[in-house]
Amino acid sequence: MPKFLIQATYTPEGTKGLLGEGASGRRAAVDQVVTGLGGTVEAMYFAFGQDDIVLIVDSPDAVSMAAVSLTVKASGALHTRATPLLTVEEIDEATRRPVTFRGPGA
């Protein structure tokens, strides 16, 4: 199952929601949306600095992850970015695939 690193920053409205329902309430909401599309939350951490929340999520496919991302962003409560995470074996496979490429000006 594809794995994604999710980093998010709360908007002022999202921060007010977090203050109102607490971290446990947000964890329950995250679990509900991710499991609702067949995924799992491997890890969820709150942070301070550039990101307010960091997650590692297993998703059945990129389309399911995009559906979650679009829905969350449409709420206006968070700004998010998702990074696909690849295993060592997946990168090994990628290094064996032939790619034809010509650099600019070459």
PDB file of N, CA and C in Angstrom:
ATOM      1  N   MET A   1       0.849  -1.165   0.000  1.00  0.00           N
ATOM      2  CA  MET A   1       0.000   0.000   0.000  1.00  0.00           C
ATOM      3  C   MET A   1       0.902   1.238   0.000  1.00  0.00           C
ATOM      4  N   PRO A   2       0.665   2.201  -0.898  1.00  0.00           N
ATOM      5  CA  PRO A   2       1.494   3.404  -0.928  1.00  0.00           C
ATOM      6  C   PRO A   2       1.477   4.161   0.405  1.00  0.00           C
ATOM      7  N   LYS A   3       2.608   4.715   0.731  1.00  0.00           N
ATOM      8  CA  LYS A   3       2.788   5.427   2.000  1.00  0.00           C
ATOM      9  C   LYS A   3       3.069   6.895   1.680  1.00  0.00           C
ATOM     10  N   PHE A   4       2.493   7.796   2.482  1.00  0.00           N
ATOM     11  CA  PHE A   4       2.657   9.229   2.275  1.00  0.00           C
ATOM     12  C   PHE A   4       3.038   9.919   3.573  1.00  0.00           C
ATOM     13  N   LEU A   5       3.924  10.901   3.452  1.00  0.00           N
ATOM     14  CA  LEU A   5       4.226  11.813   4.541  1.00  0.00           C
ATOM     15  C   LEU A   5       3.319  13.024   4.337  1.00  0.00           C
ATOM     16  N   ILE A   6       2.514  13.335   5.329  1.00  0.00           N
ATOM     17  CA  ILE A   6       1.610  14.483   5.265  1.00  0.00           C
ATOM     18  C   ILE A   6       2.104  15.515   6.275  1.00  0.00           C
ATOM     19  N   GLN A   7       2.312  16.726   5.806  1.00  0.00           N
ATOM     20  CA  GLN A   7       2.698  17.827   6.680  1.00  0.00           C
ATOM     21  C   GLN A   7       1.635  18.899   6.526  1.00  0.00           C
ATOM     22  N   ALA A   8       1.170  19.431   7.657  1.00  0.00           N
ATOM     23  CA  ALA A   8       0.071  20.387   7.596  1.00  0.00           C
ATOM     24  C   ALA A   8       0.274  21.520   8.587  1.00  0.00           C
ATOM     25  N   THR A   9      -0.300  22.646   8.217  1.00  0.00           N
ATOM     26  CA  THR A   9      -0.294  23.834   9.061  1.00  0.00           C
ATOM     27  C   THR A   9      -1.734  24.279   9.232  1.00  0.00           C
ATOM     28  N   TYR A  10      -2.143  24.483  10.464  1.00  0.00           N
ATOM     29  CA  TYR A  10      -3.502  24.948  10.731  1.00  0.00           C
ATOM     30  C   TYR A  10      -3.652  26.413  10.349  1.00  0.00           C
ATOM     31  N   THR A  11      -4.801  26.754   9.793  1.00  0.00           N
ATOM     32  CA  THR A  11      -5.183  28.153   9.621  1.00  0.00           C
ATOM     33  C   THR A  11      -5.672  28.643  10.983  1.00  0.00           C
ATOM     34  N   PRO A  12      -5.896  29.935  11.143  1.00  0.00           N
ATOM     35  CA  PRO A  12      -6.453  30.400  12.422  1.00  0.00           C
ATOM     36  C   PRO A  12      -7.761  29.692  12.791  1.00  0.00           C
ATOM     37  N   GLU A  13      -8.613  29.447  11.804  1.00  0.00           N
ATOM     38  CA  GLU A  13      -9.868  28.743  12.080  1.00  0.00           C
ATOM     39  C   GLU A  13      -9.608  27.300  12.526  1.00  0.00           C
ATOM     40  N   GLY A  14      -8.651  26.652  11.870  1.00  0.00           N
ATOM     41  CA  GLY A  14      -8.304  25.288  12.249  1.00  0.00           C
ATOM     42  C   GLY A  14      -7.711  25.211  13.640  1.00  0.00           C
ATOM     43  N   THR A  15      -6.899  26.200  13.996  1.00  0.00           N
ATOM     44  CA  THR A  15      -6.308  26.243  15.335  1.00  0.00           C
ATOM     45  C   THR A  15      -7.391  26.409  16.394  1.00  0.00           C
ATOM     46  N   LYS A  16      -8.385  27.236  16.106  1.00  0.00           N
ATOM     47  CA  LYS A  16      -9.510  27.393  17.044  1.00  0.00           C
ATOM     48  C   LYS A  16     -10.241  26.065  17.231  1.00  0.00           C
ATOM     49  N   GLY A  17     -10.405  25.320  16.138  1.00  0.00           N
ATOM     50  CA  GLY A  17     -11.043  24.008  16.242  1.00  0.00           C
ATOM     51  C   GLY A  17     -10.230  23.045  17.080  1.00  0.00           C
ATOM     52  N   LEU A  18      -8.916  23.049  16.882  1.00  0.00           N
ATOM     53  CA  LEU A  18      -8.024  22.200  17.684  1.00  0.00           C
ATOM     54  C   LEU A  18      -8.122  22.562  19.152  1.00  0.00           C
ATOM     55  N   LEU A  19      -8.111  23.852  19.454  1.00  0.00           N
ATOM     56  CA  LEU A  19      -8.230  24.287  20.850  1.00  0.00           C
ATOM     57  C   LEU A  19      -9.564  23.850  21.450  1.00  0.00           C
ATOM     58  N   GLY A  20     -10.601  23.834  20.647  1.00  0.00           N
ATOM     59  CA  GLY A  20     -11.920  23.463  21.143  1.00  0.00           C
ATOM     60  C   GLY A  20     -12.114  21.983  21.381  1.00  0.00           C
ATOM     61  N   GLU A  21     -11.550  21.151  20.516  1.00  0.00           N
ATOM     62  CA  GLU A  21     -11.791  19.707  20.655  1.00  0.00           C
ATOM     63  C   GLU A  21     -10.587  18.900  21.085  1.00  0.00           C
ATOM     64  N   GLY A  22      -9.426  19.515  21.108  1.00  0.00           N
ATOM     65  CA  GLY A  22      -8.229  18.825  21.568  1.00  0.00           C
ATOM     66  C   GLY A  22      -7.620  17.917  20.513  1.00  0.00           C
ATOM     67  N   ALA A  23      -6.417  17.454  20.812  1.00  0.00           N
ATOM     68  CA  ALA A  23      -5.676  16.601  19.890  1.00  0.00           C
ATOM     69  C   ALA A  23      -6.354  15.254  19.670  1.00  0.00           C
ATOM     70  N   SER A  24      -6.962  14.695  20.705  1.00  0.00           N
ATOM     71  CA  SER A  24      -7.632  13.395  20.564  1.00  0.00           C
ATOM     72  C   SER A  24      -8.785  13.481  19.587  1.00  0.00           C
ATOM     73  N   GLY A  25      -9.505  14.581  19.617  1.00  0.00           N
ATOM     74  CA  GLY A  25     -10.610  14.768  18.681  1.00  0.00           C
ATOM     75  C   GLY A  25     -10.127  14.856  17.252  1.00  0.00           C
ATOM     76  N   ARG A  26      -9.004  15.534  17.041  1.00  0.00           N
ATOM     77  CA  ARG A  26      -8.457  15.629  15.688  1.00  0.00           C
ATOM     78  C   ARG A  26      -7.922  14.287  15.223  1.00  0.00           C
ATOM     79  N   ARG A  27      -7.321  13.513  16.135  1.00  0.00           N
ATOM     80  CA  ARG A  27      -6.831  12.179  15.759  1.00  0.00           C
ATOM     81  C   ARG A  27      -7.995  11.310  15.307  1.00  0.00           C
ATOM     82  N   ALA A  28      -9.100  11.370  16.023  1.00  0.00           N
ATOM     83  CA  ALA A  28     -10.274  10.586  15.648  1.00  0.00           C
ATOM     84  C   ALA A  28     -10.790  11.003  14.267  1.00  0.00           C
ATOM     85  N   ALA A  29     -10.780  12.309  13.988  1.00  0.00           N
ATOM     86  CA  ALA A  29     -11.246  12.791  12.691  1.00  0.00           C
ATOM     87  C   ALA A  29     -10.318  12.327  11.568  1.00  0.00           C
ATOM     88  N   VAL A  30      -9.020  12.368  11.806  1.00  0.00           N
ATOM     89  CA  VAL A  30      -8.047  11.912  10.812  1.00  0.00           C
ATOM     90  C   VAL A  30      -8.228  10.416  10.559  1.00  0.00           C
ATOM     91  N   ASP A  31      -8.330   9.641  11.627  1.00  0.00           N
ATOM     92  CA  ASP A  31      -8.538   8.194  11.466  1.00  0.00           C
ATOM     93  C   ASP A  31      -9.792   7.910  10.640  1.00  0.00           C
ATOM     94  N   GLN A  32     -10.849   8.647  10.904  1.00  0.00           N
ATOM     95  CA  GLN A  32     -12.117   8.414  10.209  1.00  0.00           C
ATOM     96  C   GLN A  32     -11.985   8.674   8.709  1.00  0.00           C
ATOM     97  N   VAL A  33     -11.367   9.781   8.336  1.00  0.00           N
ATOM     98  CA  VAL A  33     -11.263  10.093   6.913  1.00  0.00           C
ATOM     99  C   VAL A  33     -10.321   9.128   6.192  1.00  0.00           C
ATOM    100  N   VAL A  34      -9.222   8.764   6.821  1.00  0.00           N
ATOM    101  CA  VAL A  34      -8.250   7.874   6.172  1.00  0.00           C
ATOM    102  C   VAL A  34      -8.788   6.443   6.084  1.00  0.00           C
ATOM    103  N   THR A  35      -9.334   5.928   7.175  1.00  0.00           N
ATOM    104  CA  THR A  35      -9.871   4.559   7.134  1.00  0.00           C
ATOM    105  C   THR A  35     -11.119   4.469   6.266  1.00  0.00           C
ATOM    106  N   GLY A  36     -11.843   5.575   6.146  1.00  0.00           N
ATOM    107  CA  GLY A  36     -13.026   5.586   5.293  1.00  0.00           C
ATOM    108  C   GLY A  36     -12.716   5.301   3.835  1.00  0.00           C
ATOM    109  N   LEU A  37     -11.488   5.562   3.427  1.00  0.00           N
ATOM    110  CA  LEU A  37     -11.066   5.280   2.051  1.00  0.00           C
ATOM    111  C   LEU A  37     -10.135   4.076   1.987  1.00  0.00           C
ATOM    112  N   GLY A  38     -10.111   3.282   3.051  1.00  0.00           N
ATOM    113  CA  GLY A  38      -9.334   2.043   3.031  1.00  0.00           C
ATOM    114  C   GLY A  38      -7.891   2.175   3.449  1.00  0.00           C
ATOM    115  N   GLY A  39      -7.518   3.297   4.041  1.00  0.00           N
ATOM    116  CA  GLY A  39      -6.137   3.492   4.463  1.00  0.00           C
ATOM    117  C   GLY A  39      -5.962   3.330   5.956  1.00  0.00           C
ATOM    118  N   THR A  40      -4.741   3.581   6.425  1.00  0.00           N
ATOM    119  CA  THR A  40      -4.438   3.545   7.848  1.00  0.00           C
ATOM    120  C   THR A  40      -3.481   4.685   8.187  1.00  0.00           C
ATOM    121  N   VAL A  41      -3.558   5.141   9.422  1.00  0.00           N
ATOM    122  CA  VAL A  41      -2.630   6.146   9.912  1.00  0.00           C
ATOM    123  C   VAL A  41      -1.550   5.407  10.691  1.00  0.00           C
ATOM    124  N   GLU A  42      -0.332   5.430  10.176  1.00  0.00           N
ATOM    125  CA  GLU A  42       0.787   4.756  10.848  1.00  0.00           C
ATOM    126  C   GLU A  42       1.277   5.591  12.026  1.00  0.00           C
ATOM    127  N   ALA A  43       1.360   6.906  11.826  1.00  0.00           N
ATOM    128  CA  ALA A  43       1.853   7.784  12.887  1.00  0.00           C
ATOM    129  C   ALA A  43       1.238   9.167  12.710  1.00  0.00           C
ATOM    130  N   MET A  44       1.019   9.833  13.842  1.00  0.00           N
ATOM    131  CA  MET A  44       0.500  11.201  13.818  1.00  0.00           C
ATOM    132  C   MET A  44       1.139  11.954  14.975  1.00  0.00           C
ATOM    133  N   TYR A  45       1.775  13.061  14.645  1.00  0.00           N
ATOM    134  CA  TYR A  45       2.436  13.877  15.652  1.00  0.00           C
ATOM    135  C   TYR A  45       2.045  15.331  15.482  1.00  0.00           C
ATOM    136  N   PHE A  46       1.891  16.013  16.585  1.00  0.00           N
ATOM    137  CA  PHE A  46       1.719  17.456  16.566  1.00  0.00           C
ATOM    138  C   PHE A  46       3.094  18.072  16.745  1.00  0.00           C
ATOM    139  N   ALA A  47       3.290  19.239  16.153  1.00  0.00           N
ATOM    140  CA  ALA A  47       4.589  19.890  16.179  1.00  0.00           C
ATOM    141  C   ALA A  47       4.377  21.396  16.300  1.00  0.00           C
ATOM    142  N   PHE A  48       5.453  22.112  16.422  1.00  0.00           N
ATOM    143  CA  PHE A  48       5.384  23.561  16.317  1.00  0.00           C
ATOM    144  C   PHE A  48       6.564  24.006  15.482  1.00  0.00           C
ATOM    145  N   GLY A  49       6.413  25.127  14.837  1.00  0.00           N
ATOM    146  CA  GLY A  49       7.393  25.582  13.862  1.00  0.00           C
ATOM    147  C   GLY A  49       6.685  25.712  12.531  1.00  0.00           C
ATOM    148  N   GLN A  50       7.331  25.278  11.465  1.00  0.00           N
ATOM    149  CA  GLN A  50       6.720  25.396  10.138  1.00  0.00           C
ATOM    150  C   GLN A  50       5.464  24.535  10.008  1.00  0.00           C
ATOM    151  N   ASP A  51       5.468  23.340  10.585  1.00  0.00           N
ATOM    152  CA  ASP A  51       4.326  22.427  10.506  1.00  0.00           C
ATOM    153  C   ASP A  51       3.684  22.275  11.877  1.00  0.00           C
ATOM    154  N   ASP A  52       2.360  22.141  11.873  1.00  0.00           N
ATOM    155  CA  ASP A  52       1.620  21.913  13.112  1.00  0.00           C
ATOM    156  C   ASP A  52       1.320  20.435  13.336  1.00  0.00           C
ATOM    157  N   ILE A  53       1.296  19.675  12.257  1.00  0.00           N
ATOM    158  CA  ILE A  53       0.965  18.259  12.349  1.00  0.00           C
ATOM    159  C   ILE A  53       1.727  17.502  11.270  1.00  0.00           C
ATOM    160  N   VAL A  54       2.211  16.320  11.617  1.00  0.00           N
ATOM    161  CA  VAL A  54       2.953  15.470  10.693  1.00  0.00           C
ATOM    162  C   VAL A  54       2.372  14.066  10.809  1.00  0.00           C
ATOM    163  N   LEU A  55       2.064  13.465   9.663  1.00  0.00           N
ATOM    164  CA  LEU A  55       1.476  12.124   9.652  1.00  0.00           C
ATOM    165  C   LEU A  55       2.203  11.232   8.660  1.00  0.00           C
ATOM    166  N   ILE A  56       2.184   9.951   8.921  1.00  0.00           N
ATOM    167  CA  ILE A  56       2.553   8.947   7.939  1.00  0.00           C
ATOM    168  C   ILE A  56       1.307   8.106   7.732  1.00  0.00           C
ATOM    169  N   VAL A  57       0.862   8.076   6.471  1.00  0.00           N
ATOM    170  CA  VAL A  57      -0.415   7.456   6.130  1.00  0.00           C
ATOM    171  C   VAL A  57      -0.201   6.407   5.054  1.00  0.00           C
ATOM    172  N   ASP A  58      -0.850   5.259   5.217  1.00  0.00           N
ATOM    173  CA  ASP A  58      -0.913   4.249   4.164  1.00  0.00           C
ATOM    174  C   ASP A  58      -2.236   4.445   3.448  1.00  0.00           C
ATOM    175  N   SER A  59      -2.176   4.564   2.124  1.00  0.00           N
ATOM    176  CA  SER A  59      -3.379   4.790   1.327  1.00  0.00           C
ATOM    177  C   SER A  59      -3.450   3.726   0.244  1.00  0.00           C
ATOM    178  N   PRO A  60      -4.654   3.263  -0.096  1.00  0.00           N
ATOM    179  CA  PRO A  60      -4.745   2.223  -1.123  1.00  0.00           C
ATOM    180  C   PRO A  60      -4.135   2.640  -2.458  1.00  0.00           C
ATOM    181  N   ASP A  61      -4.197   3.941  -2.770  1.00  0.00           N
ATOM    182  CA  ASP A  61      -3.664   4.436  -4.037  1.00  0.00           C
ATOM    183  C   ASP A  61      -3.575   5.956  -3.985  1.00  0.00           C
ATOM    184  N   ALA A  62      -2.931   6.530  -4.986  1.00  0.00           N
ATOM    185  CA  ALA A  62      -2.745   7.981  -5.035  1.00  0.00           C
ATOM    186  C   ALA A  62      -4.074   8.715  -5.209  1.00  0.00           C
ATOM    187  N   VAL A  63      -5.019   8.123  -5.903  1.00  0.00           N
ATOM    188  CA  VAL A  63      -6.321   8.767  -6.104  1.00  0.00           C
ATOM    189  C   VAL A  63      -7.051   8.917  -4.771  1.00  0.00           C
ATOM    190  N   SER A  64      -6.989   7.901  -3.920  1.00  0.00           N
ATOM    191  CA  SER A  64      -7.607   8.002  -2.594  1.00  0.00           C
ATOM    192  C   SER A  64      -6.938   9.086  -1.775  1.00  0.00           C
ATOM    193  N   MET A  65      -5.618   9.179  -1.854  1.00  0.00           N
ATOM    194  CA  MET A  65      -4.902  10.213  -1.123  1.00  0.00           C
ATOM    195  C   MET A  65      -5.280  11.588  -1.644  1.00  0.00           C
ATOM    196  N   ALA A  66      -5.436  11.716  -2.954  1.00  0.00           N
ATOM    197  CA  ALA A  66      -5.853  12.991  -3.540  1.00  0.00           C
ATOM    198  C   ALA A  66      -7.251  13.372  -3.072  1.00  0.00           C
ATOM    199  N   ALA A  67      -8.145  12.396  -2.960  1.00  0.00           N
ATOM    200  CA  ALA A  67      -9.500  12.673  -2.480  1.00  0.00           C
ATOM    201  C   ALA A  67      -9.474  13.226  -1.059  1.00  0.00           C
ATOM    202  N   VAL A  68      -8.662  12.621  -0.213  1.00  0.00           N
ATOM    203  CA  VAL A  68      -8.510  13.114   1.162  1.00  0.00           C
ATOM    204  C   VAL A  68      -7.938  14.528   1.144  1.00  0.00           C
ATOM    205  N   SER A  69      -6.889  14.735   0.378  1.00  0.00           N
ATOM    206  CA  SER A  69      -6.229  16.032   0.318  1.00  0.00           C
ATOM    207  C   SER A  69      -7.181  17.126  -0.136  1.00  0.00           C
ATOM    208  N   LEU A  70      -7.931  16.870  -1.183  1.00  0.00           N
ATOM    209  CA  LEU A  70      -8.876  17.866  -1.699  1.00  0.00           C
ATOM    210  C   LEU A  70      -9.943  18.216  -0.670  1.00  0.00           C
ATOM    211  N   THR A  71     -10.459  17.199   0.004  1.00  0.00           N
ATOM    212  CA  THR A  71     -11.502  17.423   1.004  1.00  0.00           C
ATOM    213  C   THR A  71     -10.979  18.229   2.181  1.00  0.00           C
ATOM    214  N   VAL A  72      -9.792  17.882   2.658  1.00  0.00           N
ATOM    215  CA  VAL A  72      -9.205  18.588   3.795  1.00  0.00           C
ATOM    216  C   VAL A  72      -8.899  20.036   3.408  1.00  0.00           C
ATOM    217  N   LYS A  73      -8.296  20.242   2.249  1.00  0.00           N
ATOM    218  CA  LYS A  73      -7.966  21.603   1.826  1.00  0.00           C
ATOM    219  C   LYS A  73      -9.221  22.448   1.622  1.00  0.00           C
ATOM    220  N   ALA A  74     -10.287  21.848   1.118  1.00  0.00           N
ATOM    221  CA  ALA A  74     -11.533  22.580   0.886  1.00  0.00           C
ATOM    222  C   ALA A  74     -12.161  23.061   2.188  1.00  0.00           C
ATOM    223  N   SER A  75     -11.820  22.416   3.294  1.00  0.00           N
ATOM    224  CA  SER A  75     -12.374  22.834   4.587  1.00  0.00           C
ATOM    225  C   SER A  75     -11.848  24.204   5.003  1.00  0.00           C
ATOM    226  N   GLY A  76     -10.695  24.595   4.498  1.00  0.00           N
ATOM    227  CA  GLY A  76     -10.087  25.857   4.869  1.00  0.00           C
ATOM    228  C   GLY A  76      -9.391  25.838   6.220  1.00  0.00           C
ATOM    229  N   ALA A  77      -9.379  24.689   6.887  1.00  0.00           N
ATOM    230  CA  ALA A  77      -8.797  24.592   8.230  1.00  0.00           C
ATOM    231  C   ALA A  77      -7.306  24.283   8.220  1.00  0.00           C
ATOM    232  N   LEU A  78      -6.806  23.784   7.098  1.00  0.00           N
ATOM    233  CA  LEU A  78      -5.406  23.359   7.027  1.00  0.00           C
ATOM    234  C   LEU A  78      -4.808  23.684   5.673  1.00  0.00           C
ATOM    235  N   HIS A  79      -3.514  23.909   5.665  1.00  0.00           N
ATOM    236  CA  HIS A  79      -2.718  23.920   4.446  1.00  0.00           C
ATOM    237  C   HIS A  79      -1.870  22.658   4.529  1.00  0.00           C
ATOM    238  N   THR A  80      -1.944  21.808   3.512  1.00  0.00           N
ATOM    239  CA  THR A  80      -1.248  20.520   3.582  1.00  0.00           C
ATOM    240  C   THR A  80      -0.333  20.319   2.386  1.00  0.00           C
ATOM    241  N   ARG A  81       0.614  19.404   2.577  1.00  0.00           N
ATOM    242  CA  ARG A  81       1.412  18.890   1.467  1.00  0.00           C
ATOM    243  C   ARG A  81       1.650  17.409   1.726  1.00  0.00           C
ATOM    244  N   ALA A  82       1.595  16.652   0.648  1.00  0.00           N
ATOM    245  CA  ALA A  82       1.771  15.202   0.739  1.00  0.00           C
ATOM    246  C   ALA A  82       2.993  14.805  -0.073  1.00  0.00           C
ATOM    247  N   THR A  83       3.828  13.971   0.523  1.00  0.00           N
ATOM    248  CA  THR A  83       5.023  13.477  -0.143  1.00  0.00           C
ATOM    249  C   THR A  83       4.933  11.962  -0.207  1.00  0.00           C
ATOM    250  N   PRO A  84       4.956  11.384  -1.422  1.00  0.00           N
ATOM    251  CA  PRO A  84       4.976   9.928  -1.513  1.00  0.00           C
ATOM    252  C   PRO A  84       6.273   9.389  -0.907  1.00  0.00           C
ATOM    253  N   LEU A  85       6.167   8.339  -0.141  1.00  0.00           N
ATOM    254  CA  LEU A  85       7.339   7.702   0.456  1.00  0.00           C
ATOM    255  C   LEU A  85       7.579   6.374  -0.252  1.00  0.00           C
ATOM    256  N   LEU A  86       8.814   6.146  -0.650  1.00  0.00           N
ATOM    257  CA  LEU A  86       9.168   4.934  -1.387  1.00  0.00           C
ATOM    258  C   LEU A  86      10.121   4.083  -0.567  1.00  0.00           C
ATOM    259  N   THR A  87       9.960   2.787  -0.671  1.00  0.00           N
ATOM    260  CA  THR A  87      10.836   1.862   0.045  1.00  0.00           C
ATOM    261  C   THR A  87      12.175   1.743  -0.682  1.00  0.00           C
ATOM    262  N   VAL A  88      13.131   1.163  -0.001  1.00  0.00           N
ATOM    263  CA  VAL A  88      14.428   0.886  -0.615  1.00  0.00           C
ATOM    264  C   VAL A  88      14.233  -0.002  -1.840  1.00  0.00           C
ATOM    265  N   GLU A  89      13.377  -0.986  -1.725  1.00  0.00           N
ATOM    266  CA  GLU A  89      13.129  -1.912  -2.836  1.00  0.00           C
ATOM    267  C   GLU A  89      12.504  -1.195  -4.039  1.00  0.00           C
ATOM    268  N   GLU A  90      11.603  -0.255  -3.779  1.00  0.00           N
ATOM    269  CA  GLU A  90      10.989   0.488  -4.885  1.00  0.00           C
ATOM    270  C   GLU A  90      12.029   1.346  -5.615  1.00  0.00           C
ATOM    271  N   ILE A  91      12.925   1.956  -4.874  1.00  0.00           N
ATOM    272  CA  ILE A  91      13.979   2.751  -5.519  1.00  0.00           C
ATOM    273  C   ILE A  91      14.939   1.841  -6.279  1.00  0.00           C
ATOM    274  N   ASP A  92      15.254   0.664  -5.717  1.00  0.00           N
ATOM    275  CA  ASP A  92      16.083  -0.292  -6.452  1.00  0.00           C
ATOM    276  C   ASP A  92      15.425  -0.654  -7.778  1.00  0.00           C
ATOM    277  N   GLU A  93      14.117  -0.885  -7.760  1.00  0.00           N
ATOM    278  CA  GLU A  93      13.397  -1.200  -8.993  1.00  0.00           C
ATOM    279  C   GLU A  93      13.466  -0.020  -9.962  1.00  0.00           C
ATOM    280  N   ALA A  94      13.315   1.190  -9.450  1.00  0.00           N
ATOM    281  CA  ALA A  94      13.378   2.380 -10.306  1.00  0.00           C
ATOM    282  C   ALA A  94      14.743   2.519 -10.971  1.00  0.00           C
ATOM    283  N   THR A  95      15.805   2.166 -10.254  1.00  0.00           N
ATOM    284  CA  THR A  95      17.147   2.301 -10.836  1.00  0.00           C
ATOM    285  C   THR A  95      17.380   1.310 -11.973  1.00  0.00           C
ATOM    286  N   ARG A  96      16.593   0.255 -12.020  1.00  0.00           N
ATOM    287  CA  ARG A  96      16.744  -0.761 -13.069  1.00  0.00           C
ATOM    288  C   ARG A  96      15.894  -0.462 -14.307  1.00  0.00           C
ATOM    289  N   ARG A  97      14.999   0.504 -14.226  1.00  0.00           N
ATOM    290  CA  ARG A  97      14.142   0.827 -15.376  1.00  0.00           C
ATOM    291  C   ARG A  97      14.883   1.770 -16.313  1.00  0.00           C
ATOM    292  N   PRO A  98      14.917   1.396 -17.599  1.00  0.00           N
ATOM    293  CA  PRO A  98      15.605   2.278 -18.561  1.00  0.00           C
ATOM    294  C   PRO A  98      14.797   3.552 -18.799  1.00  0.00           C
ATOM    295  N   VAL A  99      15.514   4.670 -18.820  1.00  0.00           N
ATOM    296  CA  VAL A  99      14.898   5.970 -19.080  1.00  0.00           C
ATOM    297  C   VAL A  99      15.724   6.682 -20.139  1.00  0.00           C
ATOM    298  N   THR A 100      15.082   7.145 -21.181  1.00  0.00           N
ATOM    299  CA  THR A 100      15.752   7.911 -22.209  1.00  0.00           C
ATOM    300  C   THR A 100      15.557   9.382 -21.883  1.00  0.00           C
ATOM    301  N   PHE A 101      16.661  10.093 -21.742  1.00  0.00           N
ATOM    302  CA  PHE A 101      16.591  11.496 -21.355  1.00  0.00           C
ATOM    303  C   PHE A 101      17.717  12.259 -22.012  1.00  0.00           C
ATOM    304  N   ARG A 102      17.402  13.442 -22.509  1.00  0.00           N
ATOM    305  CA  ARG A 102      18.407  14.349 -23.050  1.00  0.00           C
ATOM    306  C   ARG A 102      18.303  15.640 -22.260  1.00  0.00           C
ATOM    307  N   GLY A 103      19.385  16.020 -21.633  1.00  0.00           N
ATOM    308  CA  GLY A 103      19.398  17.263 -20.862  1.00  0.00           C
ATOM    309  C   GLY A 103      19.258  18.478 -21.750  1.00  0.00           C
ATOM    310  N   PRO A 104      18.824  19.609 -21.202  1.00  0.00           N
ATOM    311  CA  PRO A 104      18.697  20.828 -21.987  1.00  0.00           C
ATOM    312  C   PRO A 104      20.021  21.214 -22.641  1.00  0.00           C
ATOM    313  N   GLY A 105      19.967  21.499 -23.910  1.00  0.00           N
ATOM    314  CA  GLY A 105      21.156  21.930 -24.644  1.00  0.00           C
ATOM    315  C   GLY A 105      22.139  20.835 -24.982  1.00  0.00           C
ATOM    316  N   ALA A 106      21.832  19.599 -24.606  1.00  0.00           N
ATOM    317  CA  ALA A 106      22.784  18.497 -24.857  1.00  0.00           C
ATOM    318  C   ALA A 106      22.640  17.972 -26.270  1.00  0.00           C
TER     319      ALA A 106
END
